[in-house]
């Protein structure tokens, strides 16, 4: 039915997004090393929560300004995956970063709980 097709659409979109990040992550291991290092510094400073955006922006600053490494790009779309990976690998710090559902996860949840006509909810996506 339409609801199942919509859920499948968003699941596939999410899978592709994760695969794209994972390929980038594997090609740029220094980002993860720095993400972990700076996160542990924040934890050791006594913080109970912190921003994954601040960690990534520190990496950006260091790579672009301090090391004069030129243009260094980390997609904003990847930041949430670094926070999730940190929680997965260091479950004792789960909750250190605020994790929000990804847009695809939100869409799936909306579809699953809605009693509405799916084509009317997502007309552009449903027809694809």
PDB file of N, CA and C in Angstrom:
ATOM      1  N   UNK A   1       0.834  -1.195   0.000  1.00  0.00           N
ATOM      2  CA  UNK A   1       0.000   0.000   0.000  1.00  0.00           C
ATOM      3  C   UNK A   1       0.871   1.248   0.000  1.00  0.00           C
ATOM      4  N   UNK A   2       0.226   2.384  -0.109  1.00  0.00           N
ATOM      5  CA  UNK A   2       0.946   3.655  -0.189  1.00  0.00           C
ATOM      6  C   UNK A   2       1.797   3.937   1.036  1.00  0.00           C
ATOM      7  N   UNK A   3       1.283   3.614   2.203  1.00  0.00           N
ATOM      8  CA  UNK A   3       2.022   3.870   3.447  1.00  0.00           C
ATOM      9  C   UNK A   3       3.327   3.057   3.461  1.00  0.00           C
ATOM     10  N   UNK A   4       3.255   1.806   3.068  1.00  0.00           N
ATOM     11  CA  UNK A   4       4.461   0.961   3.036  1.00  0.00           C
ATOM     12  C   UNK A   4       5.477   1.474   2.024  1.00  0.00           C
ATOM     13  N   UNK A   5       4.985   1.921   0.872  1.00  0.00           N
ATOM     14  CA  UNK A   5       5.897   2.463  -0.148  1.00  0.00           C
ATOM     15  C   UNK A   5       6.593   3.723   0.356  1.00  0.00           C
ATOM     16  N   UNK A   6       5.852   4.557   1.080  1.00  0.00           N
ATOM     17  CA  UNK A   6       6.444   5.783   1.627  1.00  0.00           C
ATOM     18  C   UNK A   6       7.522   5.453   2.652  1.00  0.00           C
ATOM     19  N   UNK A   7       7.223   4.523   3.529  1.00  0.00           N
ATOM     20  CA  UNK A   7       8.204   4.127   4.542  1.00  0.00           C
ATOM     21  C   UNK A   7       9.444   3.574   3.860  1.00  0.00           C
ATOM     22  N   UNK A   8       9.249   2.715   2.867  1.00  0.00           N
ATOM     23  CA  UNK A   8      10.372   2.153   2.121  1.00  0.00           C
ATOM     24  C   UNK A   8      11.188   3.254   1.439  1.00  0.00           C
ATOM     25  N   UNK A   9      10.510   4.255   0.884  1.00  0.00           N
ATOM     26  CA  UNK A   9      11.185   5.379   0.243  1.00  0.00           C
ATOM     27  C   UNK A   9      12.124   6.076   1.235  1.00  0.00           C
ATOM     28  N   UNK A  10      11.610   6.395   2.422  1.00  0.00           N
ATOM     29  CA  UNK A  10      12.429   7.103   3.410  1.00  0.00           C
ATOM     30  C   UNK A  10      13.520   6.208   4.007  1.00  0.00           C
ATOM     31  N   UNK A  11      13.234   4.929   4.149  1.00  0.00           N
ATOM     32  CA  UNK A  11      14.272   4.006   4.623  1.00  0.00           C
ATOM     33  C   UNK A  11      15.420   3.936   3.627  1.00  0.00           C
ATOM     34  N   UNK A  12      15.108   3.880   2.342  1.00  0.00           N
ATOM     35  CA  UNK A  12      16.146   3.852   1.299  1.00  0.00           C
ATOM     36  C   UNK A  12      16.936   5.154   1.279  1.00  0.00           C
ATOM     37  N   UNK A  13      16.235   6.271   1.421  1.00  0.00           N
ATOM     38  CA  UNK A  13      16.898   7.576   1.456  1.00  0.00           C
ATOM     39  C   UNK A  13      17.870   7.656   2.635  1.00  0.00           C
ATOM     40  N   UNK A  14      17.428   7.177   3.789  1.00  0.00           N
ATOM     41  CA  UNK A  14      18.267   7.188   4.983  1.00  0.00           C
ATOM     42  C   UNK A  14      19.473   6.270   4.803  1.00  0.00           C
ATOM     43  N   UNK A  15      19.245   5.110   4.225  1.00  0.00           N
ATOM     44  CA  UNK A  15      20.344   4.171   3.980  1.00  0.00           C
ATOM     45  C   UNK A  15      21.397   4.798   3.069  1.00  0.00           C
ATOM     46  N   UNK A  16      20.980   5.460   2.002  1.00  0.00           N
ATOM     47  CA  UNK A  16      21.918   6.114   1.082  1.00  0.00           C
ATOM     48  C   UNK A  16      22.681   7.229   1.784  1.00  0.00           C
ATOM     49  N   UNK A  17      21.988   7.988   2.603  1.00  0.00           N
ATOM     50  CA  UNK A  17      22.632   9.076   3.354  1.00  0.00           C
ATOM     51  C   UNK A  17      23.709   8.526   4.294  1.00  0.00           C
ATOM     52  N   UNK A  18      23.385   7.448   4.996  1.00  0.00           N
ATOM     53  CA  UNK A  18      24.358   6.825   5.907  1.00  0.00           C
ATOM     54  C   UNK A  18      25.546   6.257   5.123  1.00  0.00           C
ATOM     55  N   UNK A  19      25.273   5.626   3.989  1.00  0.00           N
ATOM     56  CA  UNK A  19      26.357   5.066   3.176  1.00  0.00           C
ATOM     57  C   UNK A  19      27.279   6.162   2.648  1.00  0.00           C
ATOM     58  N   UNK A  20      26.710   7.282   2.256  1.00  0.00           N
ATOM     59  CA  UNK A  20      27.509   8.402   1.762  1.00  0.00           C
ATOM     60  C   UNK A  20      28.409   8.930   2.877  1.00  0.00           C
ATOM     61  N   UNK A  21      27.843   9.084   4.081  1.00  0.00           N
ATOM     62  CA  UNK A  21      28.653   9.536   5.218  1.00  0.00           C
ATOM     63  C   UNK A  21      29.738   8.509   5.535  1.00  0.00           C
ATOM     64  N   UNK A  22      29.391   7.242   5.569  1.00  0.00           N
ATOM     65  CA  UNK A  22      30.367   6.211   5.944  1.00  0.00           C
ATOM     66  C   UNK A  22      31.548   6.194   4.974  1.00  0.00           C
ATOM     67  N   UNK A  23      31.288   6.341   3.693  1.00  0.00           N
ATOM     68  CA  UNK A  23      32.372   6.386   2.706  1.00  0.00           C
ATOM     69  C   UNK A  23      33.261   7.600   2.963  1.00  0.00           C
ATOM     70  N   UNK A  24      32.653   8.757   3.251  1.00  0.00           N
ATOM     71  CA  UNK A  24      33.422   9.963   3.545  1.00  0.00           C
ATOM     72  C   UNK A  24      34.222   9.780   4.835  1.00  0.00           C
ATOM     73  N   UNK A  25      33.595   9.212   5.827  1.00  0.00           N
ATOM     74  CA  UNK A  25      34.228   8.942   7.125  1.00  0.00           C
ATOM     75  C   UNK A  25      35.464   8.060   6.948  1.00  0.00           C
ATOM     76  N   UNK A  26      35.344   7.008   6.165  1.00  0.00           N
ATOM     77  CA  UNK A  26      36.471   6.092   5.936  1.00  0.00           C
ATOM     78  C   UNK A  26      37.602   6.784   5.169  1.00  0.00           C
ATOM     79  N   UNK A  27      37.258   7.711   4.301  1.00  0.00           N
ATOM     80  CA  UNK A  27      38.268   8.434   3.519  1.00  0.00           C
ATOM     81  C   UNK A  27      38.918   9.573   4.311  1.00  0.00           C
ATOM     82  N   UNK A  28      38.330   9.927   5.460  1.00  0.00           N
ATOM     83  CA  UNK A  28      38.818  11.048   6.269  1.00  0.00           C
ATOM     84  C   UNK A  28      38.937  10.650   7.736  1.00  0.00           C
ATOM     85  N   UNK A  29      39.787   9.679   8.053  1.00  0.00           N
ATOM     86  CA  UNK A  29      39.859   9.175   9.428  1.00  0.00           C
ATOM     87  C   UNK A  29      40.321  10.215  10.447  1.00  0.00           C
ATOM     88  N   UNK A  30      41.035  11.230   9.997  1.00  0.00           N
ATOM     89  CA  UNK A  30      41.520  12.254  10.920  1.00  0.00           C
ATOM     90  C   UNK A  30      40.369  12.998  11.594  1.00  0.00           C
ATOM     91  N   UNK A  31      39.271  13.144  10.885  1.00  0.00           N
ATOM     92  CA  UNK A  31      38.115  13.839  11.458  1.00  0.00           C
ATOM     93  C   UNK A  31      37.607  13.078  12.676  1.00  0.00           C
ATOM     94  N   UNK A  32      37.467  11.757  12.544  1.00  0.00           N
ATOM     95  CA  UNK A  32      37.004  10.965  13.686  1.00  0.00           C
ATOM     96  C   UNK A  32      38.006  11.020  14.835  1.00  0.00           C
ATOM     97  N   UNK A  33      39.283  10.925  14.535  1.00  0.00           N
ATOM     98  CA  UNK A  33      40.300  10.994  15.587  1.00  0.00           C
ATOM     99  C   UNK A  33      40.172  12.296  16.368  1.00  0.00           C
ATOM    100  N   UNK A  34      40.022  13.395  15.656  1.00  0.00           N
ATOM    101  CA  UNK A  34      39.887  14.705  16.305  1.00  0.00           C
ATOM    102  C   UNK A  34      38.540  14.824  17.030  1.00  0.00           C
ATOM    103  N   UNK A  35      37.498  14.280  16.429  1.00  0.00           N
ATOM    104  CA  UNK A  35      36.183  14.334  17.075  1.00  0.00           C
ATOM    105  C   UNK A  35      36.240  13.638  18.427  1.00  0.00           C
ATOM    106  N   UNK A  36      36.811  12.459  18.467  1.00  0.00           N
ATOM    107  CA  UNK A  36      36.956  11.730  19.736  1.00  0.00           C
ATOM    108  C   UNK A  36      37.845  12.501  20.711  1.00  0.00           C
ATOM    109  N   UNK A  37      38.984  12.965  20.229  1.00  0.00           N
ATOM    110  CA  UNK A  37      39.925  13.686  21.086  1.00  0.00           C
ATOM    111  C   UNK A  37      39.265  14.908  21.727  1.00  0.00           C
ATOM    112  N   UNK A  38      38.619  15.727  20.919  1.00  0.00           N
ATOM    113  CA  UNK A  38      38.013  16.954  21.435  1.00  0.00           C
ATOM    114  C   UNK A  38      36.805  16.653  22.321  1.00  0.00           C
ATOM    115  N   UNK A  39      36.075  15.596  22.007  1.00  0.00           N
ATOM    116  CA  UNK A  39      34.941  15.213  22.847  1.00  0.00           C
ATOM    117  C   UNK A  39      35.432  14.764  24.217  1.00  0.00           C
ATOM    118  N   UNK A  40      36.486  13.965  24.242  1.00  0.00           N
ATOM    119  CA  UNK A  40      37.023  13.537  25.535  1.00  0.00           C
ATOM    120  C   UNK A  40      37.597  14.714  26.331  1.00  0.00           C
ATOM    121  N   UNK A  41      38.142  15.697  25.639  1.00  0.00           N
ATOM    122  CA  UNK A  41      38.592  16.907  26.341  1.00  0.00           C
ATOM    123  C   UNK A  41      37.410  17.607  26.997  1.00  0.00           C
ATOM    124  N   UNK A  42      36.303  17.691  26.287  1.00  0.00           N
ATOM    125  CA  UNK A  42      35.100  18.325  26.844  1.00  0.00           C
ATOM    126  C   UNK A  42      34.583  17.531  28.050  1.00  0.00           C
ATOM    127  N   UNK A  43      34.591  16.204  27.946  1.00  0.00           N
ATOM    128  CA  UNK A  43      34.151  15.351  29.052  1.00  0.00           C
ATOM    129  C   UNK A  43      35.073  15.531  30.259  1.00  0.00           C
ATOM    130  N   UNK A  44      36.384  15.511  30.002  1.00  0.00           N
ATOM    131  CA  UNK A  44      37.358  15.650  31.087  1.00  0.00           C
ATOM    132  C   UNK A  44      37.312  17.020  31.747  1.00  0.00           C
ATOM    133  N   UNK A  45      36.763  18.016  31.041  1.00  0.00           N
ATOM    134  CA  UNK A  45      36.642  19.352  31.634  1.00  0.00           C
ATOM    135  C   UNK A  45      35.466  19.421  32.604  1.00  0.00           C
ATOM    136  N   UNK A  46      34.700  18.338  32.680  1.00  0.00           N
ATOM    137  CA  UNK A  46      33.586  18.285  33.620  1.00  0.00           C
ATOM    138  C   UNK A  46      32.215  18.462  32.987  1.00  0.00           C
ATOM    139  N   UNK A  47      32.181  18.661  31.690  1.00  0.00           N
ATOM    140  CA  UNK A  47      30.882  18.849  31.034  1.00  0.00           C
ATOM    141  C   UNK A  47      30.093  17.545  31.016  1.00  0.00           C
ATOM    142  N   UNK A  48      28.798  17.680  31.215  1.00  0.00           N
ATOM    143  CA  UNK A  48      27.894  16.520  31.155  1.00  0.00           C
ATOM    144  C   UNK A  48      27.212  16.428  29.794  1.00  0.00           C
ATOM    145  N   UNK A  49      27.141  17.554  29.094  1.00  0.00           N
ATOM    146  CA  UNK A  49      26.562  17.624  27.751  1.00  0.00           C
ATOM    147  C   UNK A  49      27.389  18.630  26.968  1.00  0.00           C
ATOM    148  N   UNK A  50      27.408  18.443  25.636  1.00  0.00           N
ATOM    149  CA  UNK A  50      28.108  19.403  24.800  1.00  0.00           C
ATOM    150  C   UNK A  50      27.554  19.307  23.389  1.00  0.00           C
ATOM    151  N   UNK A  51      27.976  20.236  22.550  1.00  0.00           N
ATOM    152  CA  UNK A  51      27.473  20.334  21.190  1.00  0.00           C
ATOM    153  C   UNK A  51      28.416  19.649  20.195  1.00  0.00           C
ATOM    154  N   UNK A  52      27.854  18.735  19.417  1.00  0.00           N
ATOM    155  CA  UNK A  52      28.634  18.102  18.351  1.00  0.00           C
ATOM    156  C   UNK A  52      29.033  19.140  17.310  1.00  0.00           C
ATOM    157  N   UNK A  53      28.218  20.186  17.148  1.00  0.00           N
ATOM    158  CA  UNK A  53      28.544  21.262  16.209  1.00  0.00           C
ATOM    159  C   UNK A  53      29.794  21.996  16.676  1.00  0.00           C
ATOM    160  N   UNK A  54      29.916  22.231  17.963  1.00  0.00           N
ATOM    161  CA  UNK A  54      31.104  22.917  18.482  1.00  0.00           C
ATOM    162  C   UNK A  54      32.351  22.076  18.236  1.00  0.00           C
ATOM    163  N   UNK A  55      32.234  20.763  18.421  1.00  0.00           N
ATOM    164  CA  UNK A  55      33.375  19.869  18.184  1.00  0.00           C
ATOM    165  C   UNK A  55      33.798  19.938  16.713  1.00  0.00           C
ATOM    166  N   UNK A  56      32.840  19.811  15.809  1.00  0.00           N
ATOM    167  CA  UNK A  56      33.145  19.848  14.380  1.00  0.00           C
ATOM    168  C   UNK A  56      33.712  21.213  13.993  1.00  0.00           C
ATOM    169  N   UNK A  57      33.155  22.274  14.539  1.00  0.00           N
ATOM    170  CA  UNK A  57      33.669  23.601  14.195  1.00  0.00           C
ATOM    171  C   UNK A  57      35.083  23.821  14.734  1.00  0.00           C
ATOM    172  N   UNK A  58      35.420  23.195  15.840  1.00  0.00           N
ATOM    173  CA  UNK A  58      36.804  23.257  16.318  1.00  0.00           C
ATOM    174  C   UNK A  58      37.726  22.528  15.330  1.00  0.00           C
ATOM    175  N   UNK A  59      37.288  21.404  14.822  1.00  0.00           N
ATOM    176  CA  UNK A  59      38.073  20.673  13.821  1.00  0.00           C
ATOM    177  C   UNK A  59      38.236  21.545  12.578  1.00  0.00           C
ATOM    178  N   UNK A  60      37.150  22.154  12.135  1.00  0.00           N
ATOM    179  CA  UNK A  60      37.218  23.034  10.964  1.00  0.00           C
ATOM    180  C   UNK A  60      38.211  24.170  11.196  1.00  0.00           C
ATOM    181  N   UNK A  61      38.105  24.814  12.344  1.00  0.00           N
ATOM    182  CA  UNK A  61      39.003  25.940  12.671  1.00  0.00           C
ATOM    183  C   UNK A  61      40.449  25.469  12.639  1.00  0.00           C
ATOM    184  N   UNK A  62      40.721  24.364  13.303  1.00  0.00           N
ATOM    185  CA  UNK A  62      42.089  23.861  13.373  1.00  0.00           C
ATOM    186  C   UNK A  62      42.631  23.545  11.986  1.00  0.00           C
ATOM    187  N   UNK A  63      41.855  22.870  11.180  1.00  0.00           N
ATOM    188  CA  UNK A  63      42.320  22.462   9.851  1.00  0.00           C
ATOM    189  C   UNK A  63      42.476  23.647   8.908  1.00  0.00           C
ATOM    190  N   UNK A  64      41.544  24.593   8.973  1.00  0.00           N
ATOM    191  CA  UNK A  64      41.557  25.702   8.016  1.00  0.00           C
ATOM    192  C   UNK A  64      42.446  26.860   8.450  1.00  0.00           C
ATOM    193  N   UNK A  65      42.476  27.164   9.732  1.00  0.00           N
ATOM    194  CA  UNK A  65      43.144  28.371  10.206  1.00  0.00           C
ATOM    195  C   UNK A  65      44.503  28.061  10.841  1.00  0.00           C
ATOM    196  N   UNK A  66      44.498  27.213  11.865  1.00  0.00           N
ATOM    197  CA  UNK A  66      45.737  26.980  12.603  1.00  0.00           C
ATOM    198  C   UNK A  66      46.790  26.263  11.781  1.00  0.00           C
ATOM    199  N   UNK A  67      46.372  25.274  11.014  1.00  0.00           N
ATOM    200  CA  UNK A  67      47.356  24.521  10.229  1.00  0.00           C
ATOM    201  C   UNK A  67      47.501  25.107   8.830  1.00  0.00           C
ATOM    202  N   UNK A  68      46.697  26.123   8.517  1.00  0.00           N
ATOM    203  CA  UNK A  68      46.687  26.744   7.186  1.00  0.00           C
ATOM    204  C   UNK A  68      46.545  25.681   6.089  1.00  0.00           C
ATOM    205  N   UNK A  69      45.686  24.706   6.385  1.00  0.00           N
ATOM    206  CA  UNK A  69      45.497  23.585   5.477  1.00  0.00           C
ATOM    207  C   UNK A  69      44.605  23.882   4.301  1.00  0.00           C
ATOM    208  N   UNK A  70      44.190  25.117   4.168  1.00  0.00           N
ATOM    209  CA  UNK A  70      43.343  25.457   3.029  1.00  0.00           C
ATOM    210  C   UNK A  70      41.893  25.135   3.312  1.00  0.00           C
ATOM    211  N   UNK A  71      41.131  25.007   2.259  1.00  0.00           N
ATOM    212  CA  UNK A  71      39.711  24.767   2.366  1.00  0.00           C
ATOM    213  C   UNK A  71      39.462  23.343   2.849  1.00  0.00           C
ATOM    214  N   UNK A  72      38.853  23.203   4.002  1.00  0.00           N
ATOM    215  CA  UNK A  72      38.588  21.888   4.580  1.00  0.00           C
ATOM    216  C   UNK A  72      37.086  21.761   4.780  1.00  0.00           C
ATOM    217  N   UNK A  73      36.471  20.831   4.115  1.00  0.00           N
ATOM    218  CA  UNK A  73      35.011  20.715   4.130  1.00  0.00           C
ATOM    219  C   UNK A  73      34.556  19.482   4.888  1.00  0.00           C
ATOM    220  N   UNK A  74      33.680  19.719   5.870  1.00  0.00           N
ATOM    221  CA  UNK A  74      32.940  18.652   6.530  1.00  0.00           C
ATOM    222  C   UNK A  74      31.477  19.042   6.361  1.00  0.00           C
ATOM    223  N   UNK A  75      30.723  18.240   5.666  1.00  0.00           N
ATOM    224  CA  UNK A  75      29.323  18.553   5.433  1.00  0.00           C
ATOM    225  C   UNK A  75      28.560  18.620   6.753  1.00  0.00           C
ATOM    226  N   UNK A  76      27.716  19.627   6.881  1.00  0.00           N
ATOM    227  CA  UNK A  76      26.854  19.715   8.061  1.00  0.00           C
ATOM    228  C   UNK A  76      25.972  18.478   8.191  1.00  0.00           C
ATOM    229  N   UNK A  77      25.680  17.836   7.074  1.00  0.00           N
ATOM    230  CA  UNK A  77      24.858  16.618   7.097  1.00  0.00           C
ATOM    231  C   UNK A  77      25.542  15.465   7.831  1.00  0.00           C
ATOM    232  N   UNK A  78      26.848  15.550   8.009  1.00  0.00           N
ATOM    233  CA  UNK A  78      27.588  14.447   8.636  1.00  0.00           C
ATOM    234  C   UNK A  78      27.726  14.606  10.146  1.00  0.00           C
ATOM    235  N   UNK A  79      27.475  15.779  10.669  1.00  0.00           N
ATOM    236  CA  UNK A  79      27.726  16.043  12.085  1.00  0.00           C
ATOM    237  C   UNK A  79      26.940  15.090  12.984  1.00  0.00           C
ATOM    238  N   UNK A  80      25.673  14.880  12.660  1.00  0.00           N
ATOM    239  CA  UNK A  80      24.843  14.010  13.494  1.00  0.00           C
ATOM    240  C   UNK A  80      25.382  12.584  13.532  1.00  0.00           C
ATOM    241  N   UNK A  81      25.989  12.146  12.450  1.00  0.00           N
ATOM    242  CA  UNK A  81      26.509  10.783  12.414  1.00  0.00           C
ATOM    243  C   UNK A  81      27.735  10.622  13.319  1.00  0.00           C
ATOM    244  N   UNK A  82      28.533  11.674  13.432  1.00  0.00           N
ATOM    245  CA  UNK A  82      29.678  11.606  14.344  1.00  0.00           C
ATOM    246  C   UNK A  82      29.210  11.508  15.791  1.00  0.00           C
ATOM    247  N   UNK A  83      28.192  12.263  16.156  1.00  0.00           N
ATOM    248  CA  UNK A  83      27.658  12.192  17.518  1.00  0.00           C
ATOM    249  C   UNK A  83      27.073  10.809  17.789  1.00  0.00           C
ATOM    250  N   UNK A  84      26.346  10.267  16.830  1.00  0.00           N
ATOM    251  CA  UNK A  84      25.757   8.934  16.993  1.00  0.00           C
ATOM    252  C   UNK A  84      26.839   7.856  17.090  1.00  0.00           C
ATOM    253  N   UNK A  85      27.879   7.992  16.287  1.00  0.00           N
ATOM    254  CA  UNK A  85      28.975   7.030  16.343  1.00  0.00           C
ATOM    255  C   UNK A  85      29.669   7.094  17.700  1.00  0.00           C
ATOM    256  N   UNK A  86      29.873   8.303  18.206  1.00  0.00           N
ATOM    257  CA  UNK A  86      30.511   8.440  19.517  1.00  0.00           C
ATOM    258  C   UNK A  86      29.672   7.724  20.587  1.00  0.00           C
ATOM    259  N   UNK A  87      28.383   7.941  20.584  1.00  0.00           N
ATOM    260  CA  UNK A  87      27.513   7.267  21.557  1.00  0.00           C
ATOM    261  C   UNK A  87      27.547   5.747  21.381  1.00  0.00           C
ATOM    262  N   UNK A  88      27.599   5.279  20.148  1.00  0.00           N
ATOM    263  CA  UNK A  88      27.615   3.834  19.896  1.00  0.00           C
ATOM    264  C   UNK A  88      28.913   3.201  20.407  1.00  0.00           C
ATOM    265  N   UNK A  89      30.035   3.886  20.192  1.00  0.00           N
ATOM    266  CA  UNK A  89      31.328   3.329  20.602  1.00  0.00           C
ATOM    267  C   UNK A  89      31.651   3.571  22.069  1.00  0.00           C
ATOM    268  N   UNK A  90      30.992   4.556  22.650  1.00  0.00           N
ATOM    269  CA  UNK A  90      31.236   4.900  24.059  1.00  0.00           C
ATOM    270  C   UNK A  90      29.896   5.042  24.774  1.00  0.00           C
ATOM    271  N   UNK A  91      29.187   3.905  24.952  1.00  0.00           N
ATOM    272  CA  UNK A  91      27.829   3.968  25.508  1.00  0.00           C
ATOM    273  C   UNK A  91      27.755   4.564  26.916  1.00  0.00           C
ATOM    274  N   UNK A  92      28.865   4.570  27.623  1.00  0.00           N
ATOM    275  CA  UNK A  92      28.868   5.172  28.957  1.00  0.00           C
ATOM    276  C   UNK A  92      28.647   6.685  28.895  1.00  0.00           C
ATOM    277  N   UNK A  93      28.797   7.281  27.705  1.00  0.00           N
ATOM    278  CA  UNK A  93      28.584   8.719  27.519  1.00  0.00           C
ATOM    279  C   UNK A  93      27.328   9.014  26.707  1.00  0.00           C
ATOM    280  N   UNK A  94      26.450   8.014  26.598  1.00  0.00           N
ATOM    281  CA  UNK A  94      25.204   8.233  25.860  1.00  0.00           C
ATOM    282  C   UNK A  94      24.476   9.418  26.485  1.00  0.00           C
ATOM    283  N   UNK A  95      24.040  10.324  25.652  1.00  0.00           N
ATOM    284  CA  UNK A  95      23.367  11.522  26.128  1.00  0.00           C
ATOM    285  C   UNK A  95      24.283  12.726  26.225  1.00  0.00           C
ATOM    286  N   UNK A  96      25.592  12.519  26.032  1.00  0.00           N
ATOM    287  CA  UNK A  96      26.523  13.648  26.076  1.00  0.00           C
ATOM    288  C   UNK A  96      26.172  14.648  24.978  1.00  0.00           C
ATOM    289  N   UNK A  97      25.854  14.121  23.805  1.00  0.00           N
ATOM    290  CA  UNK A  97      25.381  14.949  22.704  1.00  0.00           C
ATOM    291  C   UNK A  97      23.858  14.815  22.624  1.00  0.00           C
ATOM    292  N   UNK A  98      23.185  15.894  22.289  1.00  0.00           N
ATOM    293  CA  UNK A  98      21.741  15.835  22.042  1.00  0.00           C
ATOM    294  C   UNK A  98      21.539  15.282  20.636  1.00  0.00           C
ATOM    295  N   UNK A  99      20.820  14.201  20.553  1.00  0.00           N
ATOM    296  CA  UNK A  99      20.582  13.543  19.277  1.00  0.00           C
ATOM    297  C   UNK A  99      19.107  13.720  18.912  1.00  0.00           C
ATOM    298  N   UNK A 100      18.878  14.323  17.782  1.00  0.00           N
ATOM    299  CA  UNK A 100      17.520  14.496  17.279  1.00  0.00           C
ATOM    300  C   UNK A 100      17.285  13.476  16.176  1.00  0.00           C
ATOM    301  N   UNK A 101      16.043  13.089  15.969  1.00  0.00           N
ATOM    302  CA  UNK A 101      15.764  12.181  14.851  1.00  0.00           C
ATOM    303  C   UNK A 101      16.139  12.847  13.530  1.00  0.00           C
ATOM    304  N   UNK A 102      16.653  12.059  12.617  1.00  0.00           N
ATOM    305  CA  UNK A 102      16.956  12.547  11.274  1.00  0.00           C
ATOM    306  C   UNK A 102      15.640  12.794  10.533  1.00  0.00           C
ATOM    307  N   UNK A 103      15.690  13.642   9.507  1.00  0.00           N
ATOM    308  CA  UNK A 103      14.448  13.999   8.810  1.00  0.00           C
ATOM    309  C   UNK A 103      13.747  12.766   8.250  1.00  0.00           C
ATOM    310  N   UNK A 104      14.512  11.785   7.798  1.00  0.00           N
ATOM    311  CA  UNK A 104      13.902  10.557   7.274  1.00  0.00           C
ATOM    312  C   UNK A 104      13.235   9.770   8.404  1.00  0.00           C
ATOM    313  N   UNK A 105      13.877   9.724   9.566  1.00  0.00           N
ATOM    314  CA  UNK A 105      13.298   9.035  10.724  1.00  0.00           C
ATOM    315  C   UNK A 105      12.002   9.721  11.162  1.00  0.00           C
ATOM    316  N   UNK A 106      12.005  11.060  11.130  1.00  0.00           N
ATOM    317  CA  UNK A 106      10.789  11.813  11.491  1.00  0.00           C
ATOM    318  C   UNK A 106       9.665  11.520  10.500  1.00  0.00           C
ATOM    319  N   UNK A 107      10.012  11.497   9.218  1.00  0.00           N
ATOM    320  CA  UNK A 107       8.996  11.233   8.192  1.00  0.00           C
ATOM    321  C   UNK A 107       8.408   9.835   8.362  1.00  0.00           C
ATOM    322  N   UNK A 108       9.256   8.855   8.635  1.00  0.00           N
ATOM    323  CA  UNK A 108       8.780   7.479   8.840  1.00  0.00           C
ATOM    324  C   UNK A 108       7.844   7.428  10.045  1.00  0.00           C
ATOM    325  N   UNK A 109       8.236   8.080  11.136  1.00  0.00           N
ATOM    326  CA  UNK A 109       7.400   8.087  12.339  1.00  0.00           C
ATOM    327  C   UNK A 109       6.049   8.749  12.064  1.00  0.00           C
ATOM    328  N   UNK A 110       6.058   9.847  11.309  1.00  0.00           N
ATOM    329  CA  UNK A 110       4.801  10.533  10.950  1.00  0.00           C
ATOM    330  C   UNK A 110       3.893   9.611  10.146  1.00  0.00           C
ATOM    331  N   UNK A 111       4.482   8.940   9.185  1.00  0.00           N
ATOM    332  CA  UNK A 111       3.700   8.049   8.326  1.00  0.00           C
ATOM    333  C   UNK A 111       3.128   6.902   9.138  1.00  0.00           C
ATOM    334  N   UNK A 112       3.952   6.338  10.022  1.00  0.00           N
ATOM    335  CA  UNK A 112       3.508   5.193  10.819  1.00  0.00           C
ATOM    336  C   UNK A 112       2.354   5.555  11.748  1.00  0.00           C
ATOM    337  N   UNK A 113       2.361   6.764  12.287  1.00  0.00           N
ATOM    338  CA  UNK A 113       1.307   7.126  13.247  1.00  0.00           C
ATOM    339  C   UNK A 113       0.117   7.832  12.601  1.00  0.00           C
ATOM    340  N   UNK A 114       0.252   8.251  11.365  1.00  0.00           N
ATOM    341  CA  UNK A 114      -0.823   9.034  10.750  1.00  0.00           C
ATOM    342  C   UNK A 114      -1.950   8.142  10.263  1.00  0.00           C
ATOM    343  N   UNK A 115      -3.125   8.696  10.343  1.00  0.00           N
ATOM    344  CA  UNK A 115      -4.279   8.026   9.780  1.00  0.00           C
ATOM    345  C   UNK A 115      -4.703   8.723   8.503  1.00  0.00           C
ATOM    346  N   UNK A 116      -3.829   9.616   8.035  1.00  0.00           N
ATOM    347  CA  UNK A 116      -4.160  10.407   6.856  1.00  0.00           C
ATOM    348  C   UNK A 116      -3.860   9.650   5.580  1.00  0.00           C
ATOM    349  N   UNK A 117      -4.392  10.181   4.528  1.00  0.00           N
ATOM    350  CA  UNK A 117      -4.155   9.649   3.200  1.00  0.00           C
ATOM    351  C   UNK A 117      -2.725  10.014   2.792  1.00  0.00           C
ATOM    352  N   UNK A 118      -1.875   9.033   2.640  1.00  0.00           N
ATOM    353  CA  UNK A 118      -0.460   9.256   2.359  1.00  0.00           C
ATOM    354  C   UNK A 118      -0.214  10.110   1.123  1.00  0.00           C
ATOM    355  N   UNK A 119      -0.898   9.912   0.007  1.00  0.00           N
ATOM    356  CA  UNK A 119      -0.624  10.768  -1.161  1.00  0.00           C
ATOM    357  C   UNK A 119      -0.863  12.246  -0.856  1.00  0.00           C
ATOM    358  N   UNK A 120      -1.819  12.565  -0.002  1.00  0.00           N
ATOM    359  CA  UNK A 120      -2.077  13.959   0.339  1.00  0.00           C
ATOM    360  C   UNK A 120      -1.013  14.520   1.272  1.00  0.00           C
ATOM    361  N   UNK A 121      -0.428  13.670   2.096  1.00  0.00           N
ATOM    362  CA  UNK A 121       0.616  14.110   3.028  1.00  0.00           C
ATOM    363  C   UNK A 121       1.913  14.429   2.294  1.00  0.00           C
ATOM    364  N   UNK A 122       2.289  13.587   1.353  1.00  0.00           N
ATOM    365  CA  UNK A 122       3.575  13.703   0.662  1.00  0.00           C
ATOM    366  C   UNK A 122       3.371  13.559  -0.835  1.00  0.00           C
ATOM    367  N   UNK A 123       2.694  14.512  -1.474  1.00  0.00           N
ATOM    368  CA  UNK A 123       2.349  14.329  -2.888  1.00  0.00           C
ATOM    369  C   UNK A 123       3.549  14.205  -3.811  1.00  0.00           C
ATOM    370  N   UNK A 124       4.597  14.967  -3.617  1.00  0.00           N
ATOM    371  CA  UNK A 124       5.747  14.898  -4.518  1.00  0.00           C
ATOM    372  C   UNK A 124       6.512  13.599  -4.405  1.00  0.00           C
ATOM    373  N   UNK A 125       6.596  13.075  -3.199  1.00  0.00           N
ATOM    374  CA  UNK A 125       7.370  11.846  -2.961  1.00  0.00           C
ATOM    375  C   UNK A 125       6.562  10.621  -3.375  1.00  0.00           C
ATOM    376  N   UNK A 126       5.285  10.632  -3.077  1.00  0.00           N
ATOM    377  CA  UNK A 126       4.442   9.472  -3.325  1.00  0.00           C
ATOM    378  C   UNK A 126       4.414   9.104  -4.807  1.00  0.00           C
ATOM    379  N   UNK A 127       4.449  10.106  -5.658  1.00  0.00           N
ATOM    380  CA  UNK A 127       4.351   9.858  -7.101  1.00  0.00           C
ATOM    381  C   UNK A 127       5.663   9.391  -7.712  1.00  0.00           C
ATOM    382  N   UNK A 128       6.754   9.401  -6.956  1.00  0.00           N
ATOM    383  CA  UNK A 128       8.053   9.008  -7.524  1.00  0.00           C
ATOM    384  C   UNK A 128       8.239   7.523  -7.487  1.00  0.00           C
TER     385      UNK A 128
END
